């Protein structure tokens, strides 16, 4: 097969002649590495068509999936964290907040809104993991509580979509106070006999798991979501033993009774709609 043997070694193409693939047109699956056109990935609810991996998405993307005709009213969008402790590590907390706002186009690690799902009103809070790891600040707790107040006033079911690393260390006890604060407001929602659905997505850890994320009338999760309090590596180092396969995955938690069911993102809207119609509307 001498025809294919290269005669001239060191052949290269001038940079000006190279045909680069335009950036921003493809999404690469973190699990199977398949490339998918961005528009196709969006049409598939940001789920890999090859391995069914559910990509991490933000509040705007969840709102576009859930609300009818992508119409909703966002509330308290200008509510953002302050720096009560003047915290500084390698850089100041104020600078970290500024950078997070610039790089994510969000003002906080959670967005709150209300609108209709299959023509029935619902209030939704959705966390933004790209904003300082979806960590719980004083503003995050306040936005959840204000949304609960709106849900009670307007008699709407509540959905919280969790995706969080837990408490925001830069706010110390101010952050930890939000666990009790949000839990207390959820008890008011329960007293008003208004249902609360908690959707846990990848990853949900720390203070979120220790409070509002596990307090739903039903607790549901996306497939293969990592959910827990401490991370698996921390637990393994602490107990000095290997962990079971799939430990802290949503399927493992379902088997152990921590979740009511697991829902594929494609079915999410109809599952939530069916539930609130069955028990409330």
Protein backbone atom coordinates (compact mmCIF):
# COMPACT_ATOMS: atom_id res chain seq x y z
CA UNK A 1 0.00 0.00 0.00
CA UNK A 2 2.78 2.35 -0.98
CA UNK A 3 0.35 4.87 -2.47
CA UNK A 4 -0.47 6.18 1.04
CA UNK A 5 3.10 6.50 2.15
CA UNK A 6 3.99 10.14 2.81
CA UNK A 7 6.97 11.22 0.72
CA UNK A 8 7.46 14.66 2.21
CA UNK A 9 7.85 14.75 6.00
CA UNK A 10 6.93 17.71 8.16
CA UNK A 11 4.02 18.96 6.06
CA UNK A 12 2.07 21.61 7.94
CA UNK A 13 -0.72 24.09 7.22
CA UNK A 14 -0.24 27.81 7.60
CA UNK A 15 -2.29 29.26 10.46
CA UNK A 16 -4.11 31.58 8.06
CA UNK A 17 -5.30 28.55 6.03
CA UNK A 18 -6.68 26.52 8.98
CA UNK A 19 -10.44 26.16 9.23
CA UNK A 20 -11.39 26.55 12.91
CA UNK A 21 -14.78 25.44 14.20
CA UNK A 22 -16.58 28.55 15.44
CA UNK A 23 -16.74 28.71 19.23
CA UNK A 24 -20.05 28.51 21.08
CA UNK A 25 -21.81 26.23 18.58
CA UNK A 26 -21.28 22.88 20.33
CA UNK A 27 -21.73 21.38 23.78
CA UNK A 28 -19.46 18.56 24.94
CA UNK A 29 -20.93 15.94 27.27
CA UNK A 30 -18.76 15.69 30.43
CA UNK A 31 -19.59 11.99 30.73
CA UNK A 32 -19.32 10.42 27.24
CA UNK A 33 -17.51 13.35 25.54
CA UNK A 34 -19.97 13.46 22.64
CA UNK A 35 -20.26 16.79 20.81
CA UNK A 36 -23.78 18.05 20.25
CA UNK A 37 -24.87 21.26 18.48
CA UNK A 38 -26.00 23.75 21.12
CA UNK A 39 -29.44 24.19 19.60
CA UNK A 40 -29.99 20.42 19.46
CA UNK A 41 -28.81 20.09 23.07
CA UNK A 42 -31.28 22.78 24.11
CA UNK A 43 -34.13 21.07 22.25
CA UNK A 44 -33.25 17.91 24.20
CA UNK A 45 -33.54 19.80 27.53
CA UNK A 46 -29.75 19.86 27.93
CA UNK A 47 -29.68 16.06 28.25
CA UNK A 48 -27.09 14.07 26.29
CA UNK A 49 -28.77 12.06 23.53
CA UNK A 50 -26.01 9.44 23.73
CA UNK A 51 -25.62 8.67 27.46
CA UNK A 52 -28.61 10.53 28.99
CA UNK A 53 -26.34 12.72 31.12
CA UNK A 54 -28.29 15.65 32.62
CA UNK A 55 -26.11 18.73 32.23
CA UNK A 56 -26.04 21.30 35.00
CA UNK A 57 -28.31 24.15 33.96
CA UNK A 58 -29.25 27.45 35.58
CA UNK A 59 -32.50 29.09 36.64
CA UNK A 60 -33.21 30.72 33.26
CA UNK A 61 -32.98 27.33 31.58
CA UNK A 62 -35.27 25.66 34.13
CA UNK A 63 -37.76 28.50 33.82
CA UNK A 64 -37.77 28.06 30.02
CA UNK A 65 -38.51 24.34 30.47
CA UNK A 66 -41.23 24.68 33.10
CA UNK A 67 -43.24 27.85 32.61
CA UNK A 68 -45.92 27.91 29.90
CA UNK A 69 -44.67 29.74 26.79
CA UNK A 70 -41.61 30.78 28.84
CA UNK A 71 -43.72 33.50 30.46
CA UNK A 72 -43.21 34.28 34.14
CA UNK A 73 -42.76 37.13 36.58
CA UNK A 74 -39.38 37.20 38.28
CA UNK A 75 -39.38 38.80 41.72
CA UNK A 76 -36.68 40.31 43.93
CA UNK A 77 -34.13 40.00 41.11
CA UNK A 78 -32.13 42.95 42.48
CA UNK A 79 -31.78 41.44 45.95
CA UNK A 80 -28.12 40.56 46.42
CA UNK A 81 -25.63 39.72 49.16
CA UNK A 82 -23.68 42.29 51.16
CA UNK A 83 -20.43 41.81 53.05
CA UNK A 84 -21.38 42.18 56.74
CA UNK A 85 -18.14 40.60 58.01
CA UNK A 86 -15.81 42.39 55.56
CA UNK A 87 -14.51 38.91 54.78
CA UNK A 88 -11.23 38.47 52.95
CA UNK A 89 -9.15 35.43 52.03
CA UNK A 90 -7.02 35.60 48.88
CA UNK A 91 -9.41 38.33 47.76
CA UNK A 92 -12.28 40.18 49.36
CA UNK A 93 -15.82 38.81 49.41
CA UNK A 94 -16.98 42.04 47.77
CA UNK A 95 -14.64 41.38 44.84
CA UNK A 96 -15.84 37.77 44.59
CA UNK A 97 -19.45 38.95 44.42
CA UNK A 98 -18.58 41.48 41.75
CA UNK A 99 -16.79 38.87 39.63
CA UNK A 100 -19.63 36.34 40.03
CA UNK A 101 -22.16 38.90 38.83
CA UNK A 102 -20.03 39.79 35.82
CA UNK A 103 -19.27 36.22 34.73
CA UNK A 104 -22.73 34.69 35.31
CA UNK A 105 -25.12 37.57 34.57
CA UNK A 106 -26.93 36.67 37.80
CA UNK A 107 -27.09 38.83 40.90
CA UNK A 108 -27.37 35.92 43.31
CA UNK A 109 -27.15 32.14 43.58
CA UNK A 110 -30.94 31.80 43.27
CA UNK A 111 -33.69 33.20 41.06
CA UNK A 112 -37.35 33.35 42.10
CA UNK A 113 -40.41 33.68 39.91
CA UNK A 114 -44.01 32.64 39.47
CA UNK A 115 -46.13 31.76 36.46
CA UNK A 116 -48.14 28.89 35.03
CA UNK A 117 -47.35 25.22 34.46
CA UNK A 118 -49.97 23.67 32.16
CA UNK A 119 -52.22 26.63 32.94
CA UNK A 120 -51.92 26.33 36.76
CA UNK A 121 -50.03 28.88 38.85
CA UNK A 122 -46.86 27.88 40.66
CA UNK A 123 -44.00 29.68 42.43
CA UNK A 124 -40.48 28.47 41.59
CA UNK A 125 -37.09 29.15 43.16
CA UNK A 126 -34.14 27.81 41.17
CA UNK A 127 -30.50 27.89 42.26
CA UNK A 128 -27.58 28.96 40.07
CA UNK A 129 -24.56 26.77 40.77
CA UNK A 130 -22.20 28.91 38.70
CA UNK A 131 -22.71 31.77 41.17
CA UNK A 132 -20.20 30.91 43.95
CA UNK A 133 -21.20 27.24 43.87
CA UNK A 134 -24.89 27.94 44.49
CA UNK A 135 -23.94 28.72 48.09
CA UNK A 136 -26.54 29.99 50.55
CA UNK A 137 -26.09 33.65 51.43
CA UNK A 138 -28.36 35.88 53.51
CA UNK A 139 -29.85 37.10 50.23
CA UNK A 140 -30.54 33.54 49.05
CA UNK A 141 -32.43 32.78 52.27
CA UNK A 142 -34.33 36.06 52.04
CA UNK A 143 -35.36 35.44 48.42
CA UNK A 144 -36.68 31.98 49.30
CA UNK A 145 -38.65 33.38 52.24
CA UNK A 146 -40.12 36.21 50.17
CA UNK A 147 -41.20 33.73 47.50
CA UNK A 148 -42.86 31.57 50.16
CA UNK A 149 -44.76 34.66 51.34
CA UNK A 150 -45.95 35.27 47.77
CA UNK A 151 -46.99 31.61 47.44
CA UNK A 152 -49.04 31.87 50.64
CA UNK A 153 -50.62 35.18 49.63
CA UNK A 154 -51.52 34.00 46.12
CA UNK A 155 -52.24 30.41 47.23
CA UNK A 156 -49.77 28.87 44.77
CA UNK A 157 -47.83 25.61 45.13
CA UNK A 158 -44.08 26.02 45.62
CA UNK A 159 -41.20 24.33 43.80
CA UNK A 160 -37.57 24.78 44.88
CA UNK A 161 -34.88 23.47 42.52
CA UNK A 162 -31.73 22.88 44.56
CA UNK A 163 -28.21 22.89 43.16
CA UNK A 164 -25.87 23.99 45.92
CA UNK A 165 -22.58 23.40 47.67
CA UNK A 166 -24.13 24.49 50.97
CA UNK A 167 -23.55 27.48 53.24
CA UNK A 168 -21.52 30.46 52.00
CA UNK A 169 -18.44 30.49 54.21
CA UNK A 170 -17.81 34.20 53.61
CA UNK A 171 -20.96 34.97 55.62
CA UNK A 172 -20.35 32.44 58.42
CA UNK A 173 -23.25 32.41 60.93
CA UNK A 174 -25.31 34.78 58.77
CA UNK A 175 -25.41 32.00 56.18
CA UNK A 176 -26.19 29.25 58.71
CA UNK A 177 -29.12 31.30 60.03
CA UNK A 178 -30.82 30.87 56.64
CA UNK A 179 -31.31 27.16 57.28
CA UNK A 180 -33.62 27.82 60.22
CA UNK A 181 -35.17 30.85 58.56
CA UNK A 182 -36.21 29.03 55.38
CA UNK A 183 -37.36 25.97 57.32
CA UNK A 184 -39.55 28.17 59.51
CA UNK A 185 -41.16 29.80 56.49
CA UNK A 186 -41.82 26.39 54.94
CA UNK A 187 -43.74 25.45 58.09
CA UNK A 188 -45.97 28.48 57.45
CA UNK A 189 -46.58 27.20 53.94
CA UNK A 190 -47.53 23.81 55.37
CA UNK A 191 -49.90 25.42 57.86
CA UNK A 192 -51.58 27.19 54.93
CA UNK A 193 -52.04 23.71 53.36
CA UNK A 194 -50.10 24.67 50.24
CA UNK A 195 -47.93 21.92 48.72
CA UNK A 196 -44.16 22.21 48.42
CA UNK A 197 -42.16 20.17 45.91
CA UNK A 198 -38.39 19.89 46.33
CA UNK A 199 -36.36 18.99 43.23
CA UNK A 200 -32.77 17.99 44.00
CA UNK A 201 -30.32 18.25 41.12
CA UNK A 202 -26.62 17.64 40.69
CA UNK A 203 -25.02 18.59 43.08
CA UNK A 204 -27.02 19.31 46.25
CA UNK A 205 -24.96 19.34 49.46
CA UNK A 206 -24.37 20.86 52.86
CA UNK A 207 -26.79 23.39 54.28
CA UNK A 208 -29.24 22.99 51.41
CA UNK A 209 -29.62 19.26 52.15
CA UNK A 210 -29.82 20.03 55.88
CA UNK A 211 -32.77 22.38 55.41
CA UNK A 212 -35.19 23.30 52.62
CA UNK A 213 -34.01 20.73 50.04
CA UNK A 214 -35.22 17.79 52.14
CA UNK A 215 -38.41 19.32 53.52
CA UNK A 216 -40.71 18.89 50.54
CA UNK A 217 -44.12 17.29 50.71
CA UNK A 218 -42.47 15.24 48.01
CA UNK A 219 -38.72 15.13 47.43
CA UNK A 220 -37.75 14.28 43.86
CA UNK A 221 -34.48 14.28 41.94
CA UNK A 222 -33.00 14.13 38.47
CA UNK A 223 -31.18 10.93 37.41
CA UNK A 224 -27.63 10.42 38.73
CA UNK A 225 -27.68 13.61 40.79
CA UNK A 226 -25.08 13.70 43.58
CA UNK A 227 -26.88 14.48 46.85
CA UNK A 228 -25.61 14.48 50.42
CA UNK A 229 -24.31 16.52 53.33
CA UNK A 230 -20.56 15.91 53.26
CA UNK A 231 -18.91 14.81 50.03
CA UNK A 232 -18.01 11.14 49.39
CA UNK A 233 -14.26 11.76 49.67
CA UNK A 234 -14.68 13.41 53.07
CA UNK A 235 -16.83 10.52 54.30
CA UNK A 236 -14.39 7.91 53.00
CA UNK A 237 -11.44 9.60 54.72
CA UNK A 238 -13.43 9.94 57.95
CA UNK A 239 -14.65 6.34 58.25
CA UNK A 240 -11.64 4.80 56.52
CA UNK A 241 -13.74 2.48 54.37
CA UNK A 242 -14.71 2.17 50.71
CA UNK A 243 -18.19 3.44 49.92
CA UNK A 244 -20.91 1.41 48.14
CA UNK A 245 -21.24 1.79 44.37
CA UNK A 246 -23.40 4.75 43.45
CA UNK A 247 -23.16 6.15 46.99
CA UNK A 248 -24.99 9.52 47.28
CA UNK A 249 -26.42 9.25 43.77
CA UNK A 250 -30.16 9.91 43.49
CA UNK A 251 -30.83 6.24 42.67
CA UNK A 252 -29.07 5.20 45.91
CA UNK A 253 -31.12 7.71 47.93
CA UNK A 254 -34.34 6.51 46.32
CA UNK A 255 -33.51 2.94 47.34
CA UNK A 256 -32.87 4.09 50.93
CA UNK A 257 -36.15 6.04 51.14
CA UNK A 258 -34.82 9.61 51.05
CA UNK A 259 -36.58 10.39 47.75
CA UNK A 260 -40.10 9.78 46.51
CA UNK A 261 -39.16 9.33 42.86
CA UNK A 262 -36.64 10.24 40.17
CA UNK A 263 -37.82 12.21 37.17
CA UNK A 264 -36.20 12.66 33.76
CA UNK A 265 -35.92 16.30 32.74
CA UNK A 266 -38.10 15.70 29.67
CA UNK A 267 -40.93 14.55 31.94
CA UNK A 268 -40.39 17.14 34.67
CA UNK A 269 -43.05 19.66 33.69
CA UNK A 270 -45.84 17.10 33.28
CA UNK A 271 -44.88 15.21 36.46
CA UNK A 272 -45.04 18.40 38.53
CA UNK A 273 -48.27 19.46 36.84
CA UNK A 274 -49.90 16.08 37.53
CA UNK A 275 -48.85 16.19 41.18
CA UNK A 276 -50.18 19.66 41.95
CA UNK A 277 -53.40 18.91 40.07
CA UNK A 278 -53.86 15.71 42.05
CA UNK A 279 -53.30 17.11 45.54
CA UNK A 280 -54.15 20.81 45.24
CA UNK A 281 -56.00 22.16 42.23
